[in-house]
Amino acid sequence: FSGVLALDVLRALLQLQDRLAAVTAWAPRSGRNVTLRDVCYAPLNPSEPGVGDCAVSSVTQYFQNNGSHLALSAWHQDGKEQGTVDWHDHLIYCVNSPLSFKDITALELSCMAEYGGP
């Protein structure tokens, strides 16, 4: 992979998303600061959403917005084929099976987003 699907770009995207999720803005009519939690769509926890409950569409959701998941690698053997699997393999699997709760690689990561949806 290269370009926008390079590991350093995905890590930078995670950092940017974290910074954006922490942004607050003063709402004069409400007399308080508002955050992403106040305006996000949180289909699985609409009454008391946390930032992780917000349905944010991003390629990093295939890793549950978790840099540790993105950094994982594992030894994988499938019949005669063997080698190391990493984020590339997980991403390819998830693009083809976005509703999977566990990929078929040795990583065994979910393809579901941090908020619980696809």
N, C-alpha and C. Protein backbone atom coordinates (compact mmCIF):
# COMPACT_ATOMS: atom_id res chain seq x y z
N PHE A 1 0.83 -1.18 0.00
CA PHE A 1 0.00 0.00 0.00
C PHE A 1 0.88 1.24 0.00
N SER A 2 0.33 2.32 -0.51
CA SER A 2 1.07 3.58 -0.50
C SER A 2 0.06 4.73 -0.44
N GLY A 3 0.55 5.93 -0.48
CA GLY A 3 -0.33 7.10 -0.46
C GLY A 3 -1.13 7.20 0.83
N VAL A 4 -2.45 7.36 0.70
CA VAL A 4 -3.29 7.55 1.88
C VAL A 4 -3.43 6.27 2.70
N LEU A 5 -3.04 5.13 2.17
CA LEU A 5 -3.11 3.89 2.93
C LEU A 5 -1.75 3.46 3.45
N ALA A 6 -0.85 4.39 3.62
CA ALA A 6 0.45 4.09 4.24
C ALA A 6 0.28 4.14 5.76
N LEU A 7 1.05 3.33 6.46
CA LEU A 7 0.92 3.23 7.91
C LEU A 7 1.10 4.58 8.61
N ASP A 8 2.07 5.37 8.17
CA ASP A 8 2.29 6.66 8.83
C ASP A 8 1.10 7.61 8.61
N VAL A 9 0.43 7.51 7.48
CA VAL A 9 -0.74 8.34 7.22
C VAL A 9 -1.90 7.90 8.11
N LEU A 10 -2.08 6.59 8.26
CA LEU A 10 -3.14 6.09 9.13
C LEU A 10 -2.91 6.48 10.59
N ARG A 11 -1.67 6.44 11.02
CA ARG A 11 -1.35 6.88 12.40
C ARG A 11 -1.63 8.37 12.57
N ALA A 12 -1.26 9.17 11.58
CA ALA A 12 -1.52 10.61 11.64
C ALA A 12 -3.03 10.87 11.64
N LEU A 13 -3.78 10.08 10.88
CA LEU A 13 -5.24 10.22 10.86
C LEU A 13 -5.83 9.91 12.23
N LEU A 14 -5.33 8.88 12.90
CA LEU A 14 -5.79 8.57 14.26
C LEU A 14 -5.53 9.74 15.21
N GLN A 15 -4.36 10.34 15.11
CA GLN A 15 -4.03 11.48 15.97
C GLN A 15 -4.95 12.67 15.68
N LEU A 16 -5.20 12.93 14.40
CA LEU A 16 -6.09 14.03 14.02
C LEU A 16 -7.51 13.78 14.54
N GLN A 17 -7.98 12.55 14.40
CA GLN A 17 -9.33 12.22 14.89
C GLN A 17 -9.42 12.40 16.40
N ASP A 18 -8.38 12.02 17.12
CA ASP A 18 -8.37 12.22 18.58
C ASP A 18 -8.44 13.70 18.93
N ARG A 19 -7.68 14.52 18.21
CA ARG A 19 -7.70 15.97 18.47
C ARG A 19 -9.07 16.56 18.16
N LEU A 20 -9.66 16.14 17.04
CA LEU A 20 -10.98 16.66 16.67
C LEU A 20 -12.05 16.21 17.67
N ALA A 21 -11.95 14.99 18.16
CA ALA A 21 -12.92 14.48 19.14
C ALA A 21 -12.85 15.25 20.45
N ALA A 22 -11.72 15.87 20.73
CA ALA A 22 -11.54 16.61 21.98
C ALA A 22 -11.91 18.09 21.86
N VAL A 23 -12.28 18.54 20.68
CA VAL A 23 -12.61 19.96 20.47
C VAL A 23 -13.89 20.32 21.21
N THR A 24 -13.87 21.49 21.82
CA THR A 24 -15.07 22.04 22.44
C THR A 24 -15.33 23.42 21.85
N ALA A 25 -16.57 23.82 21.88
CA ALA A 25 -16.94 25.15 21.38
C ALA A 25 -17.99 25.73 22.32
N TRP A 26 -17.88 27.03 22.57
CA TRP A 26 -18.83 27.70 23.44
C TRP A 26 -20.12 27.94 22.66
N ALA A 27 -21.24 27.56 23.25
CA ALA A 27 -22.56 27.78 22.65
C ALA A 27 -23.28 28.84 23.49
N PRO A 28 -23.26 30.09 23.03
CA PRO A 28 -23.83 31.18 23.82
C PRO A 28 -25.29 30.97 24.21
N ARG A 29 -26.10 30.45 23.31
CA ARG A 29 -27.52 30.26 23.61
C ARG A 29 -27.73 29.21 24.71
N SER A 30 -26.86 28.21 24.73
CA SER A 30 -26.96 27.17 25.76
C SER A 30 -26.21 27.55 27.02
N GLY A 31 -25.29 28.49 26.87
CA GLY A 31 -24.48 28.91 28.01
C GLY A 31 -23.51 27.84 28.48
N ARG A 32 -23.04 27.02 27.56
CA ARG A 32 -22.10 25.96 27.93
C ARG A 32 -21.25 25.55 26.73
N ASN A 33 -20.21 24.81 27.01
CA ASN A 33 -19.39 24.25 25.95
C ASN A 33 -20.09 23.02 25.38
N VAL A 34 -19.99 22.86 24.07
CA VAL A 34 -20.51 21.66 23.41
C VAL A 34 -19.34 20.88 22.84
N THR A 35 -19.54 19.58 22.74
CA THR A 35 -18.50 18.68 22.23
C THR A 35 -19.10 17.79 21.16
N LEU A 36 -18.27 16.93 20.62
CA LEU A 36 -18.73 15.96 19.63
C LEU A 36 -19.89 15.13 20.18
N ARG A 37 -19.81 14.77 21.44
CA ARG A 37 -20.87 13.97 22.07
C ARG A 37 -22.24 14.63 21.96
N ASP A 38 -22.26 15.96 21.96
CA ASP A 38 -23.53 16.69 21.90
C ASP A 38 -24.16 16.70 20.52
N VAL A 39 -23.37 16.46 19.49
CA VAL A 39 -23.89 16.60 18.13
C VAL A 39 -23.74 15.35 17.28
N CYS A 40 -23.15 14.31 17.81
CA CYS A 40 -22.89 13.14 16.98
C CYS A 40 -24.09 12.22 16.87
N TYR A 41 -24.05 11.38 15.85
CA TYR A 41 -25.03 10.32 15.67
C TYR A 41 -24.48 9.08 16.36
N ALA A 42 -25.15 8.62 17.39
CA ALA A 42 -24.71 7.47 18.17
C ALA A 42 -25.83 6.43 18.18
N PRO A 43 -25.93 5.63 17.13
CA PRO A 43 -27.09 4.74 16.99
C PRO A 43 -27.22 3.67 18.08
N LEU A 44 -26.13 3.26 18.68
CA LEU A 44 -26.20 2.20 19.68
C LEU A 44 -26.25 2.71 21.12
N ASN A 45 -26.08 4.02 21.29
CA ASN A 45 -26.16 4.62 22.62
C ASN A 45 -26.62 6.07 22.48
N PRO A 46 -27.84 6.29 22.00
CA PRO A 46 -28.27 7.66 21.72
C PRO A 46 -28.52 8.53 22.95
N SER A 47 -28.82 7.93 24.10
CA SER A 47 -29.18 8.75 25.26
C SER A 47 -27.98 9.34 25.98
N GLU A 48 -26.89 8.61 26.10
CA GLU A 48 -25.69 9.10 26.81
C GLU A 48 -24.43 8.71 26.03
N PRO A 49 -24.25 9.26 24.83
CA PRO A 49 -23.10 8.81 24.03
C PRO A 49 -21.77 9.31 24.56
N GLY A 50 -20.78 8.45 24.49
CA GLY A 50 -19.40 8.85 24.69
C GLY A 50 -18.82 9.08 23.30
N VAL A 51 -17.63 9.62 23.22
CA VAL A 51 -17.02 9.89 21.92
C VAL A 51 -16.90 8.59 21.11
N GLY A 52 -16.58 7.48 21.77
CA GLY A 52 -16.46 6.20 21.08
C GLY A 52 -17.77 5.65 20.56
N ASP A 53 -18.89 6.21 21.00
CA ASP A 53 -20.21 5.78 20.53
C ASP A 53 -20.63 6.49 19.25
N CYS A 54 -19.93 7.55 18.88
CA CYS A 54 -20.28 8.33 17.70
C CYS A 54 -19.92 7.57 16.42
N ALA A 55 -20.86 7.54 15.48
CA ALA A 55 -20.66 6.84 14.22
C ALA A 55 -19.81 7.71 13.28
N VAL A 56 -18.52 7.59 13.41
CA VAL A 56 -17.57 8.34 12.58
C VAL A 56 -17.08 7.42 11.47
N SER A 57 -17.26 7.82 10.23
CA SER A 57 -16.82 7.00 9.10
C SER A 57 -15.36 7.30 8.80
N SER A 58 -14.53 6.28 8.95
CA SER A 58 -13.10 6.42 8.70
C SER A 58 -12.50 5.03 8.50
N VAL A 59 -11.48 4.96 7.69
CA VAL A 59 -10.80 3.68 7.48
C VAL A 59 -10.22 3.15 8.79
N THR A 60 -9.92 4.02 9.72
CA THR A 60 -9.36 3.58 11.00
C THR A 60 -10.39 2.86 11.87
N GLN A 61 -11.66 2.95 11.51
CA GLN A 61 -12.69 2.22 12.25
C GLN A 61 -12.50 0.70 12.09
N TYR A 62 -11.89 0.25 11.01
CA TYR A 62 -11.60 -1.18 10.86
C TYR A 62 -10.64 -1.66 11.94
N PHE A 63 -10.00 -0.72 12.62
CA PHE A 63 -9.08 -1.03 13.73
C PHE A 63 -9.62 -0.47 15.04
N GLN A 64 -10.92 -0.16 15.07
CA GLN A 64 -11.61 0.39 16.22
C GLN A 64 -10.93 1.68 16.73
N ASN A 65 -10.37 2.43 15.80
CA ASN A 65 -9.66 3.68 16.13
C ASN A 65 -8.60 3.46 17.20
N ASN A 66 -7.94 2.32 17.13
CA ASN A 66 -6.97 1.93 18.16
C ASN A 66 -5.61 1.73 17.50
N GLY A 67 -4.66 2.58 17.85
CA GLY A 67 -3.31 2.49 17.29
C GLY A 67 -2.62 1.18 17.60
N SER A 68 -2.95 0.58 18.73
CA SER A 68 -2.35 -0.73 19.08
C SER A 68 -2.82 -1.81 18.12
N HIS A 69 -4.08 -1.75 17.71
CA HIS A 69 -4.58 -2.72 16.74
C HIS A 69 -3.89 -2.53 15.40
N LEU A 70 -3.67 -1.29 15.03
CA LEU A 70 -3.01 -0.97 13.77
C LEU A 70 -1.57 -1.49 13.75
N ALA A 71 -0.92 -1.54 14.90
CA ALA A 71 0.48 -1.95 14.99
C ALA A 71 0.68 -3.46 15.11
N LEU A 72 -0.39 -4.22 15.29
CA LEU A 72 -0.26 -5.66 15.49
C LEU A 72 0.28 -6.39 14.27
N SER A 73 1.00 -7.45 14.53
CA SER A 73 1.39 -8.41 13.48
C SER A 73 1.41 -9.78 14.14
N ALA A 74 1.26 -10.82 13.34
CA ALA A 74 1.23 -12.18 13.87
C ALA A 74 1.68 -13.17 12.80
N TRP A 75 2.20 -14.29 13.25
CA TRP A 75 2.57 -15.37 12.34
C TRP A 75 1.28 -16.10 11.95
N HIS A 76 1.13 -16.36 10.66
CA HIS A 76 -0.10 -16.98 10.17
C HIS A 76 0.26 -18.10 9.21
N GLN A 77 -0.40 -19.24 9.38
CA GLN A 77 -0.21 -20.35 8.45
C GLN A 77 -1.58 -20.82 8.01
N ASP A 78 -1.75 -20.89 6.70
CA ASP A 78 -3.01 -21.33 6.12
C ASP A 78 -2.68 -22.38 5.06
N GLY A 79 -2.74 -23.64 5.44
CA GLY A 79 -2.34 -24.69 4.52
C GLY A 79 -0.85 -24.61 4.28
N LYS A 80 -0.47 -24.49 3.02
CA LYS A 80 0.95 -24.40 2.67
C LYS A 80 1.48 -22.97 2.76
N GLU A 81 0.57 -22.01 2.76
CA GLU A 81 0.99 -20.61 2.83
C GLU A 81 1.24 -20.20 4.26
N GLN A 82 2.36 -19.51 4.48
CA GLN A 82 2.68 -19.03 5.81
C GLN A 82 3.43 -17.71 5.72
N GLY A 83 3.35 -16.94 6.77
CA GLY A 83 4.03 -15.65 6.81
C GLY A 83 3.44 -14.76 7.87
N THR A 84 3.91 -13.55 7.90
CA THR A 84 3.44 -12.58 8.88
C THR A 84 2.25 -11.82 8.31
N VAL A 85 1.22 -11.67 9.12
CA VAL A 85 0.06 -10.85 8.75
C VAL A 85 0.08 -9.58 9.59
N ASP A 86 -0.45 -8.51 9.03
CA ASP A 86 -0.47 -7.23 9.74
C ASP A 86 -1.68 -6.43 9.30
N TRP A 87 -1.62 -5.13 9.48
CA TRP A 87 -2.75 -4.26 9.18
C TRP A 87 -3.19 -4.37 7.73
N HIS A 88 -2.25 -4.61 6.80
CA HIS A 88 -2.62 -4.74 5.39
C HIS A 88 -3.64 -5.87 5.21
N ASP A 89 -3.33 -7.02 5.79
CA ASP A 89 -4.18 -8.19 5.64
C ASP A 89 -5.55 -7.97 6.29
N HIS A 90 -5.53 -7.36 7.46
CA HIS A 90 -6.79 -7.08 8.16
C HIS A 90 -7.65 -6.12 7.34
N LEU A 91 -7.05 -5.09 6.79
CA LEU A 91 -7.79 -4.11 6.00
C LEU A 91 -8.40 -4.76 4.76
N ILE A 92 -7.63 -5.56 4.05
CA ILE A 92 -8.15 -6.24 2.86
C ILE A 92 -9.32 -7.15 3.23
N TYR A 93 -9.17 -7.88 4.33
CA TYR A 93 -10.26 -8.75 4.77
C TYR A 93 -11.52 -7.94 5.07
N CYS A 94 -11.37 -6.86 5.82
CA CYS A 94 -12.51 -6.06 6.24
C CYS A 94 -13.20 -5.35 5.08
N VAL A 95 -12.45 -4.91 4.11
CA VAL A 95 -13.06 -4.27 2.94
C VAL A 95 -13.97 -5.27 2.23
N ASN A 96 -13.59 -6.54 2.25
CA ASN A 96 -14.39 -7.58 1.60
C ASN A 96 -15.47 -8.17 2.51
N SER A 97 -15.30 -8.06 3.83
CA SER A 97 -16.26 -8.61 4.80
C SER A 97 -16.47 -7.63 5.95
N PRO A 98 -17.05 -6.47 5.69
CA PRO A 98 -17.13 -5.42 6.71
C PRO A 98 -17.99 -5.76 7.92
N LEU A 99 -18.83 -6.78 7.86
CA LEU A 99 -19.68 -7.14 8.98
C LEU A 99 -19.08 -8.22 9.87
N SER A 100 -17.83 -8.57 9.63
CA SER A 100 -17.19 -9.65 10.38
C SER A 100 -16.80 -9.20 11.79
N PHE A 101 -17.07 -10.06 12.76
CA PHE A 101 -16.67 -9.79 14.14
C PHE A 101 -15.26 -10.30 14.43
N LYS A 102 -14.68 -11.08 13.49
CA LYS A 102 -13.31 -11.56 13.67
C LYS A 102 -12.77 -11.92 12.29
N ASP A 103 -11.63 -11.34 11.93
CA ASP A 103 -11.07 -11.68 10.63
C ASP A 103 -10.49 -13.10 10.67
N ILE A 104 -10.14 -13.62 9.51
CA ILE A 104 -9.66 -15.00 9.44
C ILE A 104 -8.14 -15.09 9.51
N THR A 105 -7.49 -13.99 9.82
CA THR A 105 -6.04 -14.02 9.99
C THR A 105 -5.72 -14.36 11.44
N ALA A 106 -4.46 -14.56 11.72
CA ALA A 106 -4.01 -14.83 13.09
C ALA A 106 -4.21 -13.61 14.00
N LEU A 107 -4.48 -12.45 13.44
CA LEU A 107 -4.74 -11.27 14.26
C LEU A 107 -6.08 -11.39 14.98
N GLU A 108 -7.05 -12.00 14.32
CA GLU A 108 -8.38 -12.21 14.87
C GLU A 108 -9.04 -10.92 15.37
N LEU A 109 -8.86 -9.84 14.61
CA LEU A 109 -9.47 -8.55 14.95
C LEU A 109 -10.86 -8.44 14.34
N SER A 110 -11.71 -7.68 14.97
CA SER A 110 -13.04 -7.39 14.45
C SER A 110 -12.94 -6.35 13.34
N CYS A 111 -13.88 -6.41 12.42
CA CYS A 111 -13.99 -5.38 11.39
C CYS A 111 -14.99 -4.31 11.80
N MET A 112 -15.69 -4.54 12.90
CA MET A 112 -16.71 -3.60 13.34
C MET A 112 -16.06 -2.35 13.91
N ALA A 113 -16.74 -1.24 13.75
CA ALA A 113 -16.22 0.05 14.19
C ALA A 113 -16.22 0.15 15.72
N GLU A 114 -15.53 1.14 16.22
CA GLU A 114 -15.44 1.38 17.67
C GLU A 114 -16.84 1.52 18.28
N TYR A 115 -17.77 2.15 17.55
CA TYR A 115 -19.11 2.38 18.10
C TYR A 115 -19.98 1.12 18.03
N GLY A 116 -19.48 0.05 17.39
CA GLY A 116 -20.19 -1.22 17.36
C GLY A 116 -20.87 -1.56 16.06
N GLY A 117 -20.93 -0.62 15.14
CA GLY A 117 -21.58 -0.87 13.85
C GLY A 117 -20.55 -1.17 12.77
N PRO A 118 -21.05 -1.42 11.56
CA PRO A 118 -20.12 -1.73 10.45
C PRO A 118 -19.42 -0.50 9.91
